[in-house]
Amino acid sequence: MSFRSYDLLALVRDFGEPLTLRKLTTNGTYNPATGAVSGSATTDYSFTGYFYNYDVMSVDQVRKGTRKCVIPALNFTVEPDDEDIIVGNGDTVTIKSVTTIFSDGAPVCYLCHVEE
């Protein structure tokens, strides 16, 4: 499914919901004795985003909860990265890849491939 950047922003404006981008800001320290990581920290960033199914859903995609999330880049101070988490509407998903949509050299929105 292909959208123009204006269409994506219109979807966010008309049907978007409040979401939170959770970024790992401190990796923490691995303790080999316990096998656990301690001291990691996250930072939350609020935004209005839009989830959509981008492909004919196969059984595997339904199982993984695979879909896309549009994050407007305008007035958003951070860029989403792989393995960041999006929380909202009773759901938590992990970003698997990010595509940045540009207009005249400036980022307009981020298309995040996410999975539950």
PDB file of N, CA and C in Angstrom:
ATOM      1  N   MET A   1       0.853  -1.165   0.000  1.00  0.00           N
ATOM      2  CA  MET A   1       0.000   0.000   0.000  1.00  0.00           C
ATOM      3  C   MET A   1       0.899   1.229   0.000  1.00  0.00           C
ATOM      4  N   SER A   2       0.627   2.165  -0.876  1.00  0.00           N
ATOM      5  CA  SER A   2       1.464   3.336  -1.024  1.00  0.00           C
ATOM      6  C   SER A   2       0.654   4.597  -0.717  1.00  0.00           C
ATOM      7  N   PHE A   3       1.268   5.518   0.025  1.00  0.00           N
ATOM      8  CA  PHE A   3       0.632   6.776   0.381  1.00  0.00           C
ATOM      9  C   PHE A   3       1.573   7.922   0.046  1.00  0.00           C
ATOM     10  N   ARG A   4       0.986   9.088  -0.236  1.00  0.00           N
ATOM     11  CA  ARG A   4       1.773  10.310  -0.315  1.00  0.00           C
ATOM     12  C   ARG A   4       1.928  10.833   1.104  1.00  0.00           C
ATOM     13  N   SER A   5       2.952  11.660   1.354  1.00  0.00           N
ATOM     14  CA  SER A   5       3.179  12.162   2.705  1.00  0.00           C
ATOM     15  C   SER A   5       1.972  12.950   3.220  1.00  0.00           C
ATOM     16  N   TYR A   6       1.310  13.698   2.341  1.00  0.00           N
ATOM     17  CA  TYR A   6       0.115  14.445   2.753  1.00  0.00           C
ATOM     18  C   TYR A   6      -0.977  13.487   3.221  1.00  0.00           C
ATOM     19  N   ASP A   7      -1.155  12.377   2.505  1.00  0.00           N
ATOM     20  CA  ASP A   7      -2.171  11.392   2.893  1.00  0.00           C
ATOM     21  C   ASP A   7      -1.865  10.806   4.263  1.00  0.00           C
ATOM     22  N   LEU A   8      -0.598  10.521   4.520  1.00  0.00           N
ATOM     23  CA  LEU A   8      -0.210   9.962   5.811  1.00  0.00           C
ATOM     24  C   LEU A   8      -0.502  10.938   6.943  1.00  0.00           C
ATOM     25  N   LEU A   9      -0.144  12.205   6.740  1.00  0.00           N
ATOM     26  CA  LEU A   9      -0.412  13.208   7.771  1.00  0.00           C
ATOM     27  C   LEU A   9      -1.907  13.422   7.971  1.00  0.00           C
ATOM     28  N   ALA A  10      -2.690  13.325   6.893  1.00  0.00           N
ATOM     29  CA  ALA A  10      -4.147  13.453   7.011  1.00  0.00           C
ATOM     30  C   ALA A  10      -4.727  12.286   7.820  1.00  0.00           C
ATOM     31  N   LEU A  11      -4.188  11.082   7.620  1.00  0.00           N
ATOM     32  CA  LEU A  11      -4.636   9.932   8.412  1.00  0.00           C
ATOM     33  C   LEU A  11      -4.347  10.146   9.899  1.00  0.00           C
ATOM     34  N   VAL A  12      -3.169  10.668  10.200  1.00  0.00           N
ATOM     35  CA  VAL A  12      -2.821  10.945  11.595  1.00  0.00           C
ATOM     36  C   VAL A  12      -3.744  12.018  12.159  1.00  0.00           C
ATOM     37  N   ARG A  13      -3.970  13.071  11.388  1.00  0.00           N
ATOM     38  CA  ARG A  13      -4.826  14.168  11.848  1.00  0.00           C
ATOM     39  C   ARG A  13      -6.255  13.691  12.097  1.00  0.00           C
ATOM     40  N   ASP A  14      -6.799  12.900  11.181  1.00  0.00           N
ATOM     41  CA  ASP A  14      -8.199  12.506  11.265  1.00  0.00           C
ATOM     42  C   ASP A  14      -8.456  11.296  12.154  1.00  0.00           C
ATOM     43  N   PHE A  15      -7.508  10.350  12.202  1.00  0.00           N
ATOM     44  CA  PHE A  15      -7.758   9.092  12.897  1.00  0.00           C
ATOM     45  C   PHE A  15      -6.675   8.718  13.906  1.00  0.00           C
ATOM     46  N   GLY A  16      -5.717   9.602  14.117  1.00  0.00           N
ATOM     47  CA  GLY A  16      -4.609   9.299  15.022  1.00  0.00           C
ATOM     48  C   GLY A  16      -5.052   9.166  16.461  1.00  0.00           C
ATOM     49  N   GLU A  17      -4.211   8.529  17.245  1.00  0.00           N
ATOM     50  CA  GLU A  17      -4.487   8.326  18.661  1.00  0.00           C
ATOM     51  C   GLU A  17      -3.232   8.665  19.458  1.00  0.00           C
ATOM     52  N   PRO A  18      -3.415   9.036  20.720  1.00  0.00           N
ATOM     53  CA  PRO A  18      -2.236   9.351  21.532  1.00  0.00           C
ATOM     54  C   PRO A  18      -1.411   8.095  21.801  1.00  0.00           C
ATOM     55  N   LEU A  19      -0.121   8.183  21.517  1.00  0.00           N
ATOM     56  CA  LEU A  19       0.798   7.063  21.692  1.00  0.00           C
ATOM     57  C   LEU A  19       2.064   7.554  22.379  1.00  0.00           C
ATOM     58  N   THR A  20       2.885   6.616  22.812  1.00  0.00           N
ATOM     59  CA  THR A  20       4.152   6.950  23.458  1.00  0.00           C
ATOM     60  C   THR A  20       5.273   6.165  22.802  1.00  0.00           C
ATOM     61  N   LEU A  21       6.330   6.865  22.417  1.00  0.00           N
ATOM     62  CA  LEU A  21       7.543   6.225  21.916  1.00  0.00           C
ATOM     63  C   LEU A  21       8.472   6.067  23.109  1.00  0.00           C
ATOM     64  N   ARG A  22       8.853   4.831  23.404  1.00  0.00           N
ATOM     65  CA  ARG A  22       9.736   4.532  24.532  1.00  0.00           C
ATOM     66  C   ARG A  22      11.107   4.141  23.983  1.00  0.00           C
ATOM     67  N   LYS A  23      12.087   5.007  24.263  1.00  0.00           N
ATOM     68  CA  LYS A  23      13.457   4.786  23.776  1.00  0.00           C
ATOM     69  C   LYS A  23      14.340   4.344  24.938  1.00  0.00           C
ATOM     70  N   LEU A  24      15.182   3.347  24.676  1.00  0.00           N
ATOM     71  CA  LEU A  24      16.173   2.916  25.647  1.00  0.00           C
ATOM     72  C   LEU A  24      17.282   3.956  25.659  1.00  0.00           C
ATOM     73  N   THR A  25      17.486   4.624  26.795  1.00  0.00           N
ATOM     74  CA  THR A  25      18.474   5.696  26.853  1.00  0.00           C
ATOM     75  C   THR A  25      19.761   5.265  27.539  1.00  0.00           C
ATOM     76  N   THR A  26      19.706   4.212  28.358  1.00  0.00           N
ATOM     77  CA  THR A  26      20.894   3.661  28.995  1.00  0.00           C
ATOM     78  C   THR A  26      20.834   2.156  28.861  1.00  0.00           C
ATOM     79  N   ASN A  27      21.861   1.562  28.286  1.00  0.00           N
ATOM     80  CA  ASN A  27      21.853   0.122  28.053  1.00  0.00           C
ATOM     81  C   ASN A  27      21.934  -0.708  29.319  1.00  0.00           C
ATOM     82  N   GLY A  28      22.544  -0.198  30.372  1.00  0.00           N
ATOM     83  CA  GLY A  28      22.690  -0.972  31.592  1.00  0.00           C
ATOM     84  C   GLY A  28      23.933  -1.835  31.555  1.00  0.00           C
ATOM     85  N   THR A  29      24.047  -2.674  32.561  1.00  0.00           N
ATOM     86  CA  THR A  29      25.220  -3.524  32.720  1.00  0.00           C
ATOM     87  C   THR A  29      24.787  -4.968  32.827  1.00  0.00           C
ATOM     88  N   TYR A  30      25.493  -5.831  32.109  1.00  0.00           N
ATOM     89  CA  TYR A  30      25.196  -7.258  32.139  1.00  0.00           C
ATOM     90  C   TYR A  30      25.922  -7.901  33.310  1.00  0.00           C
ATOM     91  N   ASN A  31      25.193  -8.659  34.121  1.00  0.00           N
ATOM     92  CA  ASN A  31      25.773  -9.377  35.242  1.00  0.00           C
ATOM     93  C   ASN A  31      25.861 -10.848  34.859  1.00  0.00           C
ATOM     94  N   PRO A  32      27.061 -11.377  34.598  1.00  0.00           N
ATOM     95  CA  PRO A  32      27.182 -12.769  34.160  1.00  0.00           C
ATOM     96  C   PRO A  32      26.766 -13.780  35.235  1.00  0.00           C
ATOM     97  N   ALA A  33      26.834 -13.399  36.489  1.00  0.00           N
ATOM     98  CA  ALA A  33      26.448 -14.320  37.553  1.00  0.00           C
ATOM     99  C   ALA A  33      24.944 -14.587  37.556  1.00  0.00           C
ATOM    100  N   THR A  34      24.159 -13.539  37.294  1.00  0.00           N
ATOM    101  CA  THR A  34      22.697 -13.697  37.298  1.00  0.00           C
ATOM    102  C   THR A  34      22.119 -13.836  35.899  1.00  0.00           C
ATOM    103  N   GLY A  35      22.893 -13.411  34.881  1.00  0.00           N
ATOM    104  CA  GLY A  35      22.391 -13.459  33.511  1.00  0.00           C
ATOM    105  C   GLY A  35      21.396 -12.356  33.207  1.00  0.00           C
ATOM    106  N   ALA A  36      21.357 -11.310  34.044  1.00  0.00           N
ATOM    107  CA  ALA A  36      20.389 -10.223  33.879  1.00  0.00           C
ATOM    108  C   ALA A  36      21.105  -8.910  33.584  1.00  0.00           C
ATOM    109  N   VAL A  37      20.368  -7.977  32.996  1.00  0.00           N
ATOM    110  CA  VAL A  37      20.862  -6.635  32.739  1.00  0.00           C
ATOM    111  C   VAL A  37      20.232  -5.708  33.770  1.00  0.00           C
ATOM    112  N   SER A  38      21.058  -4.901  34.421  1.00  0.00           N
ATOM    113  CA  SER A  38      20.528  -3.961  35.406  1.00  0.00           C
ATOM    114  C   SER A  38      21.012  -2.555  35.075  1.00  0.00           C
ATOM    115  N   GLY A  39      20.268  -1.580  35.517  1.00  0.00           N
ATOM    116  CA  GLY A  39      20.661  -0.195  35.318  1.00  0.00           C
ATOM    117  C   GLY A  39      20.236   0.404  33.998  1.00  0.00           C
ATOM    118  N   SER A  40      19.400  -0.295  33.216  1.00  0.00           N
ATOM    119  CA  SER A  40      18.933   0.301  31.964  1.00  0.00           C
ATOM    120  C   SER A  40      17.823   1.298  32.267  1.00  0.00           C
ATOM    121  N   ALA A  41      17.702   2.304  31.413  1.00  0.00           N
ATOM    122  CA  ALA A  41      16.680   3.335  31.612  1.00  0.00           C
ATOM    123  C   ALA A  41      16.031   3.665  30.276  1.00  0.00           C
ATOM    124  N   THR A  42      14.802   4.124  30.334  1.00  0.00           N
ATOM    125  CA  THR A  42      14.077   4.513  29.132  1.00  0.00           C
ATOM    126  C   THR A  42      13.583   5.949  29.272  1.00  0.00           C
ATOM    127  N   THR A  43      13.319   6.571  28.124  1.00  0.00           N
ATOM    128  CA  THR A  43      12.714   7.894  28.084  1.00  0.00           C
ATOM    129  C   THR A  43      11.489   7.810  27.193  1.00  0.00           C
ATOM    130  N   ASP A  44      10.371   8.387  27.651  1.00  0.00           N
ATOM    131  CA  ASP A  44       9.113   8.362  26.905  1.00  0.00           C
ATOM    132  C   ASP A  44       8.874   9.693  26.195  1.00  0.00           C
ATOM    133  N   TYR A  45       8.366   9.589  24.943  1.00  0.00           N
ATOM    134  CA  TYR A  45       8.020  10.760  24.136  1.00  0.00           C
ATOM    135  C   TYR A  45       6.588  10.578  23.636  1.00  0.00           C
ATOM    136  N   SER A  46       5.724  11.507  23.943  1.00  0.00           N
ATOM    137  CA  SER A  46       4.318  11.438  23.524  1.00  0.00           C
ATOM    138  C   SER A  46       4.142  12.001  22.120  1.00  0.00           C
ATOM    139  N   PHE A  47       3.235  11.379  21.364  1.00  0.00           N
ATOM    140  CA  PHE A  47       2.919  11.850  20.018  1.00  0.00           C
ATOM    141  C   PHE A  47       1.547  11.319  19.628  1.00  0.00           C
ATOM    142  N   THR A  48       1.020  11.838  18.539  1.00  0.00           N
ATOM    143  CA  THR A  48      -0.211  11.312  17.957  1.00  0.00           C
ATOM    144  C   THR A  48       0.188  10.529  16.725  1.00  0.00           C
ATOM    145  N   GLY A  49      -0.183   9.251  16.686  1.00  0.00           N
ATOM    146  CA  GLY A  49       0.209   8.389  15.579  1.00  0.00           C
ATOM    147  C   GLY A  49      -0.961   7.593  15.059  1.00  0.00           C
ATOM    148  N   TYR A  50      -0.716   6.862  13.988  1.00  0.00           N
ATOM    149  CA  TYR A  50      -1.767   6.089  13.329  1.00  0.00           C
ATOM    150  C   TYR A  50      -1.232   4.714  12.946  1.00  0.00           C
ATOM    151  N   PHE A  51      -1.909   3.656  13.404  1.00  0.00           N
ATOM    152  CA  PHE A  51      -1.579   2.282  13.021  1.00  0.00           C
ATOM    153  C   PHE A  51      -2.421   1.867  11.827  1.00  0.00           C
ATOM    154  N   TYR A  52      -1.821   1.114  10.908  1.00  0.00           N
ATOM    155  CA  TYR A  52      -2.594   0.543   9.806  1.00  0.00           C
ATOM    156  C   TYR A  52      -1.972  -0.764   9.347  1.00  0.00           C
ATOM    157  N   ASN A  53      -2.818  -1.631   8.817  1.00  0.00           N
ATOM    158  CA  ASN A  53      -2.361  -2.879   8.214  1.00  0.00           C
ATOM    159  C   ASN A  53      -1.961  -2.554   6.788  1.00  0.00           C
ATOM    160  N   TYR A  54      -0.784  -2.968   6.388  1.00  0.00           N
ATOM    161  CA  TYR A  54      -0.250  -2.552   5.101  1.00  0.00           C
ATOM    162  C   TYR A  54      -0.258  -3.634   4.043  1.00  0.00           C
ATOM    163  N   ASP A  55      -0.648  -4.821   4.377  1.00  0.00           N
ATOM    164  CA  ASP A  55      -0.561  -5.921   3.430  1.00  0.00           C
ATOM    165  C   ASP A  55      -1.732  -6.855   3.675  1.00  0.00           C
ATOM    166  N   VAL A  56      -1.994  -7.696   2.700  1.00  0.00           N
ATOM    167  CA  VAL A  56      -3.001  -8.727   2.910  1.00  0.00           C
ATOM    168  C   VAL A  56      -2.488  -9.588   4.054  1.00  0.00           C
ATOM    169  N   MET A  57      -3.295  -9.691   5.077  1.00  0.00           N
ATOM    170  CA  MET A  57      -2.844 -10.364   6.291  1.00  0.00           C
ATOM    171  C   MET A  57      -2.726 -11.871   6.090  1.00  0.00           C
ATOM    172  N   SER A  58      -1.538 -12.381   6.320  1.00  0.00           N
ATOM    173  CA  SER A  58      -1.333 -13.821   6.324  1.00  0.00           C
ATOM    174  C   SER A  58      -1.447 -14.296   7.766  1.00  0.00           C
ATOM    175  N   VAL A  59      -1.543 -15.575   7.961  1.00  0.00           N
ATOM    176  CA  VAL A  59      -1.640 -16.126   9.311  1.00  0.00           C
ATOM    177  C   VAL A  59      -0.427 -15.723  10.135  1.00  0.00           C
ATOM    178  N   ASP A  60       0.758 -15.732   9.522  1.00  0.00           N
ATOM    179  CA  ASP A  60       1.976 -15.374  10.233  1.00  0.00           C
ATOM    180  C   ASP A  60       1.948 -13.911  10.676  1.00  0.00           C
ATOM    181  N   GLN A  61       1.456 -13.009   9.815  1.00  0.00           N
ATOM    182  CA  GLN A  61       1.383 -11.594  10.183  1.00  0.00           C
ATOM    183  C   GLN A  61       0.395 -11.367  11.313  1.00  0.00           C
ATOM    184  N   VAL A  62      -0.721 -12.063  11.291  1.00  0.00           N
ATOM    185  CA  VAL A  62      -1.703 -11.922  12.360  1.00  0.00           C
ATOM    186  C   VAL A  62      -1.089 -12.395  13.672  1.00  0.00           C
ATOM    187  N   ARG A  63      -0.364 -13.491  13.629  1.00  0.00           N
ATOM    188  CA  ARG A  63       0.269 -14.049  14.830  1.00  0.00           C
ATOM    189  C   ARG A  63       1.279 -13.059  15.416  1.00  0.00           C
ATOM    190  N   LYS A  64       2.070 -12.421  14.582  1.00  0.00           N
ATOM    191  CA  LYS A  64       3.087 -11.478  15.041  1.00  0.00           C
ATOM    192  C   LYS A  64       2.504 -10.101  15.351  1.00  0.00           C
ATOM    193  N   GLY A  65       1.300  -9.809  14.912  1.00  0.00           N
ATOM    194  CA  GLY A  65       0.745  -8.471  15.083  1.00  0.00           C
ATOM    195  C   GLY A  65       1.458  -7.466  14.209  1.00  0.00           C
ATOM    196  N   THR A  66       1.868  -7.880  13.010  1.00  0.00           N
ATOM    197  CA  THR A  66       2.634  -7.036  12.106  1.00  0.00           C
ATOM    198  C   THR A  66       1.749  -5.962  11.484  1.00  0.00           C
ATOM    199  N   ARG A  67       2.205  -4.712  11.569  1.00  0.00           N
ATOM    200  CA  ARG A  67       1.505  -3.593  10.939  1.00  0.00           C
ATOM    201  C   ARG A  67       2.457  -2.407  10.864  1.00  0.00           C
ATOM    202  N   LYS A  68       1.953  -1.270  10.431  1.00  0.00           N
ATOM    203  CA  LYS A  68       2.759  -0.047  10.325  1.00  0.00           C
ATOM    204  C   LYS A  68       2.204   0.998  11.289  1.00  0.00           C
ATOM    205  N   CYS A  69       3.078   1.887  11.712  1.00  0.00           N
ATOM    206  CA  CYS A  69       2.667   3.034  12.528  1.00  0.00           C
ATOM    207  C   CYS A  69       3.261   4.284  11.889  1.00  0.00           C
ATOM    208  N   VAL A  70       2.428   5.281  11.682  1.00  0.00           N
ATOM    209  CA  VAL A  70       2.877   6.564  11.138  1.00  0.00           C
ATOM    210  C   VAL A  70       3.148   7.502  12.313  1.00  0.00           C
ATOM    211  N   ILE A  71       4.358   8.040  12.353  1.00  0.00           N
ATOM    212  CA  ILE A  71       4.737   9.035  13.355  1.00  0.00           C
ATOM    213  C   ILE A  71       5.082  10.317  12.612  1.00  0.00           C
ATOM    214  N   PRO A  72       4.331  11.403  12.826  1.00  0.00           N
ATOM    215  CA  PRO A  72       4.674  12.665  12.165  1.00  0.00           C
ATOM    216  C   PRO A  72       6.027  13.178  12.664  1.00  0.00           C
ATOM    217  N   ALA A  73       6.886  13.606  11.761  1.00  0.00           N
ATOM    218  CA  ALA A  73       8.210  14.107  12.131  1.00  0.00           C
ATOM    219  C   ALA A  73       8.172  15.588  12.491  1.00  0.00           C
ATOM    220  N   LEU A  74       7.157  16.286  12.025  1.00  0.00           N
ATOM    221  CA  LEU A  74       7.067  17.714  12.286  1.00  0.00           C
ATOM    222  C   LEU A  74       6.848  17.954  13.776  1.00  0.00           C
ATOM    223  N   ASN A  75       7.675  18.776  14.382  1.00  0.00           N
ATOM    224  CA  ASN A  75       7.606  19.104  15.806  1.00  0.00           C
ATOM    225  C   ASN A  75       7.845  17.907  16.720  1.00  0.00           C
ATOM    226  N   PHE A  76       8.460  16.844  16.209  1.00  0.00           N
ATOM    227  CA  PHE A  76       8.815  15.684  17.030  1.00  0.00           C
ATOM    228  C   PHE A  76      10.326  15.716  17.180  1.00  0.00           C
ATOM    229  N   THR A  77      10.820  15.717  18.404  1.00  0.00           N
ATOM    230  CA  THR A  77      12.234  16.010  18.656  1.00  0.00           C
ATOM    231  C   THR A  77      13.171  14.817  18.521  1.00  0.00           C
ATOM    232  N   VAL A  78      12.637  13.609  18.412  1.00  0.00           N
ATOM    233  CA  VAL A  78      13.491  12.413  18.318  1.00  0.00           C
ATOM    234  C   VAL A  78      13.131  11.607  17.086  1.00  0.00           C
ATOM    235  N   GLU A  79      14.057  10.756  16.663  1.00  0.00           N
ATOM    236  CA  GLU A  79      13.792   9.840  15.562  1.00  0.00           C
ATOM    237  C   GLU A  79      13.605   8.441  16.133  1.00  0.00           C
ATOM    238  N   PRO A  80      12.580   7.735  15.694  1.00  0.00           N
ATOM    239  CA  PRO A  80      12.416   6.358  16.162  1.00  0.00           C
ATOM    240  C   PRO A  80      13.515   5.468  15.581  1.00  0.00           C
ATOM    241  N   ASP A  81      13.902   4.462  16.342  1.00  0.00           N
ATOM    242  CA  ASP A  81      14.945   3.521  15.928  1.00  0.00           C
ATOM    243  C   ASP A  81      14.419   2.097  16.056  1.00  0.00           C
ATOM    244  N   ASP A  82      15.117   1.171  15.405  1.00  0.00           N
ATOM    245  CA  ASP A  82      14.799  -0.238  15.567  1.00  0.00           C
ATOM    246  C   ASP A  82      14.881  -0.597  17.057  1.00  0.00           C
ATOM    247  N   GLU A  83      13.966  -1.441  17.492  1.00  0.00           N
ATOM    248  CA  GLU A  83      13.873  -1.937  18.867  1.00  0.00           C
ATOM    249  C   GLU A  83      13.318  -0.921  19.854  1.00  0.00           C
ATOM    250  N   ASP A  84      12.956   0.301  19.418  1.00  0.00           N
ATOM    251  CA  ASP A  84      12.189   1.194  20.287  1.00  0.00           C
ATOM    252  C   ASP A  84      10.807   0.586  20.452  1.00  0.00           C
ATOM    253  N   ILE A  85      10.084   1.037  21.455  1.00  0.00           N
ATOM    254  CA  ILE A  85       8.762   0.489  21.756  1.00  0.00           C
ATOM    255  C   ILE A  85       7.720   1.589  21.608  1.00  0.00           C
ATOM    256  N   ILE A  86       6.562   1.219  21.054  1.00  0.00           N
ATOM    257  CA  ILE A  86       5.423   2.138  20.983  1.00  0.00           C
ATOM    258  C   ILE A  86       4.326   1.579  21.880  1.00  0.00           C
ATOM    259  N   VAL A  87       3.840   2.424  22.779  1.00  0.00           N
ATOM    260  CA  VAL A  87       2.818   2.030  23.743  1.00  0.00           C
ATOM    261  C   VAL A  87       1.594   2.909  23.534  1.00  0.00           C
ATOM    262  N   GLY A  88       0.412   2.287  23.570  1.00  0.00           N
ATOM    263  CA  GLY A  88      -0.817   3.061  23.478  1.00  0.00           C
ATOM    264  C   GLY A  88      -2.004   2.197  23.162  1.00  0.00           C
ATOM    265  N   ASN A  89      -3.170   2.667  23.574  1.00  0.00           N
ATOM    266  CA  ASN A  89      -4.428   1.988  23.285  1.00  0.00           C
ATOM    267  C   ASN A  89      -4.403   0.530  23.764  1.00  0.00           C
ATOM    268  N   GLY A  90      -3.777   0.303  24.914  1.00  0.00           N
ATOM    269  CA  GLY A  90      -3.726  -1.031  25.484  1.00  0.00           C
ATOM    270  C   GLY A  90      -2.822  -1.992  24.752  1.00  0.00           C
ATOM    271  N   ASP A  91      -1.913  -1.494  23.932  1.00  0.00           N
ATOM    272  CA  ASP A  91      -1.050  -2.341  23.114  1.00  0.00           C
ATOM    273  C   ASP A  91       0.392  -1.870  23.249  1.00  0.00           C
ATOM    274  N   THR A  92       1.327  -2.808  23.157  1.00  0.00           N
ATOM    275  CA  THR A  92       2.747  -2.491  23.152  1.00  0.00           C
ATOM    276  C   THR A  92       3.388  -3.228  21.983  1.00  0.00           C
ATOM    277  N   VAL A  93       4.056  -2.482  21.110  1.00  0.00           N
ATOM    278  CA  VAL A  93       4.690  -3.076  19.933  1.00  0.00           C
ATOM    279  C   VAL A  93       6.148  -2.627  19.866  1.00  0.00           C
ATOM    280  N   THR A  94       6.953  -3.426  19.187  1.00  0.00           N
ATOM    281  CA  THR A  94       8.374  -3.130  18.999  1.00  0.00           C
ATOM    282  C   THR A  94       8.617  -2.736  17.553  1.00  0.00           C
ATOM    283  N   ILE A  95       9.391  -1.672  17.363  1.00  0.00           N
ATOM    284  CA  ILE A  95       9.735  -1.221  16.017  1.00  0.00           C
ATOM    285  C   ILE A  95      10.794  -2.155  15.451  1.00  0.00           C
ATOM    286  N   LYS A  96      10.523  -2.696  14.254  1.00  0.00           N
ATOM    287  CA  LYS A  96      11.467  -3.581  13.573  1.00  0.00           C
ATOM    288  C   LYS A  96      12.275  -2.855  12.507  1.00  0.00           C
ATOM    289  N   SER A  97      11.687  -1.837  11.877  1.00  0.00           N
ATOM    290  CA  SER A  97      12.410  -1.017  10.903  1.00  0.00           C
ATOM    291  C   SER A  97      11.691   0.311  10.746  1.00  0.00           C
ATOM    292  N   VAL A  98      12.440   1.321  10.309  1.00  0.00           N
ATOM    293  CA  VAL A  98      11.895   2.669  10.152  1.00  0.00           C
ATOM    294  C   VAL A  98      12.254   3.194   8.767  1.00  0.00           C
ATOM    295  N   THR A  99      11.255   3.759   8.066  1.00  0.00           N
ATOM    296  CA  THR A  99      11.469   4.439   6.798  1.00  0.00           C
ATOM    297  C   THR A  99      11.086   5.897   6.997  1.00  0.00           C
ATOM    298  N   THR A 100      11.996   6.796   6.659  1.00  0.00           N
ATOM    299  CA  THR A 100      11.721   8.224   6.806  1.00  0.00           C
ATOM    300  C   THR A 100      11.229   8.768   5.475  1.00  0.00           C
ATOM    301  N   ILE A 101      10.092   9.472   5.501  1.00  0.00           N
ATOM    302  CA  ILE A 101       9.527  10.110   4.312  1.00  0.00           C
ATOM    303  C   ILE A 101       9.957  11.583   4.332  1.00  0.00           C
ATOM    304  N   PHE A 102      10.628  12.005   3.256  1.00  0.00           N
ATOM    305  CA  PHE A 102      11.135  13.371   3.164  1.00  0.00           C
ATOM    306  C   PHE A 102      10.329  14.182   2.155  1.00  0.00           C
ATOM    307  N   SER A 103      10.298  15.483   2.382  1.00  0.00           N
ATOM    308  CA  SER A 103       9.757  16.431   1.420  1.00  0.00           C
ATOM    309  C   SER A 103      10.701  17.622   1.403  1.00  0.00           C
ATOM    310  N   ASP A 104      11.286  17.892   0.251  1.00  0.00           N
ATOM    311  CA  ASP A 104      12.237  18.990   0.090  1.00  0.00           C
ATOM    312  C   ASP A 104      13.391  18.881   1.097  1.00  0.00           C
ATOM    313  N   GLY A 105      13.824  17.660   1.355  1.00  0.00           N
ATOM    314  CA  GLY A 105      14.966  17.431   2.227  1.00  0.00           C
ATOM    315  C   GLY A 105      14.666  17.401   3.713  1.00  0.00           C
ATOM    316  N   ALA A 106      13.438  17.677   4.100  1.00  0.00           N
ATOM    317  CA  ALA A 106      13.067  17.673   5.525  1.00  0.00           C
ATOM    318  C   ALA A 106      12.196  16.460   5.821  1.00  0.00           C
ATOM    319  N   PRO A 107      12.417  15.791   6.949  1.00  0.00           N
ATOM    320  CA  PRO A 107      11.564  14.646   7.284  1.00  0.00           C
ATOM    321  C   PRO A 107      10.131  15.087   7.565  1.00  0.00           C
ATOM    322  N   VAL A 108       9.177  14.384   6.974  1.00  0.00           N
ATOM    323  CA  VAL A 108       7.760  14.687   7.161  1.00  0.00           C
ATOM    324  C   VAL A 108       7.125  13.688   8.121  1.00  0.00           C
ATOM    325  N   CYS A 109       7.460  12.413   7.940  1.00  0.00           N
ATOM    326  CA  CYS A 109       6.929  11.392   8.837  1.00  0.00           C
ATOM    327  C   CYS A 109       7.817  10.160   8.797  1.00  0.00           C
ATOM    328  N   TYR A 110       7.616   9.333   9.816  1.00  0.00           N
ATOM    329  CA  TYR A 110       8.339   8.059   9.911  1.00  0.00           C
ATOM    330  C   TYR A 110       7.321   6.943   9.767  1.00  0.00           C
ATOM    331  N   LEU A 111       7.614   5.972   8.910  1.00  0.00           N
ATOM    332  CA  LEU A 111       6.796   4.776   8.778  1.00  0.00           C
ATOM    333  C   LEU A 111       7.523   3.668   9.524  1.00  0.00           C
ATOM    334  N   CYS A 112       6.927   3.210  10.583  1.00  0.00           N
ATOM    335  CA  CYS A 112       7.561   2.198  11.419  1.00  0.00           C
ATOM    336  C   CYS A 112       6.884   0.859  11.223  1.00  0.00           C
ATOM    337  N   HIS A 113       7.661  -0.138  10.821  1.00  0.00           N
ATOM    338  CA  HIS A 113       7.174  -1.513  10.746  1.00  0.00           C
ATOM    339  C   HIS A 113       7.251  -2.041  12.177  1.00  0.00           C
ATOM    340  N   VAL A 114       6.102  -2.444  12.739  1.00  0.00           N
ATOM    341  CA  VAL A 114       6.060  -2.864  14.140  1.00  0.00           C
ATOM    342  C   VAL A 114       5.493  -4.270  14.278  1.00  0.00           C
ATOM    343  N   GLU A 115       5.871  -4.920  15.359  1.00  0.00           N
ATOM    344  CA  GLU A 115       5.349  -6.234  15.703  1.00  0.00           C
ATOM    345  C   GLU A 115       5.090  -6.292  17.194  1.00  0.00           C
ATOM    346  N   GLU A 116       4.082  -7.073  17.577  1.00  0.00           N
ATOM    347  CA  GLU A 116       3.787  -7.253  19.001  1.00  0.00           C
ATOM    348  C   GLU A 116       4.824  -8.129  19.632  1.00  0.00           C
TER     349      GLU A 116
END
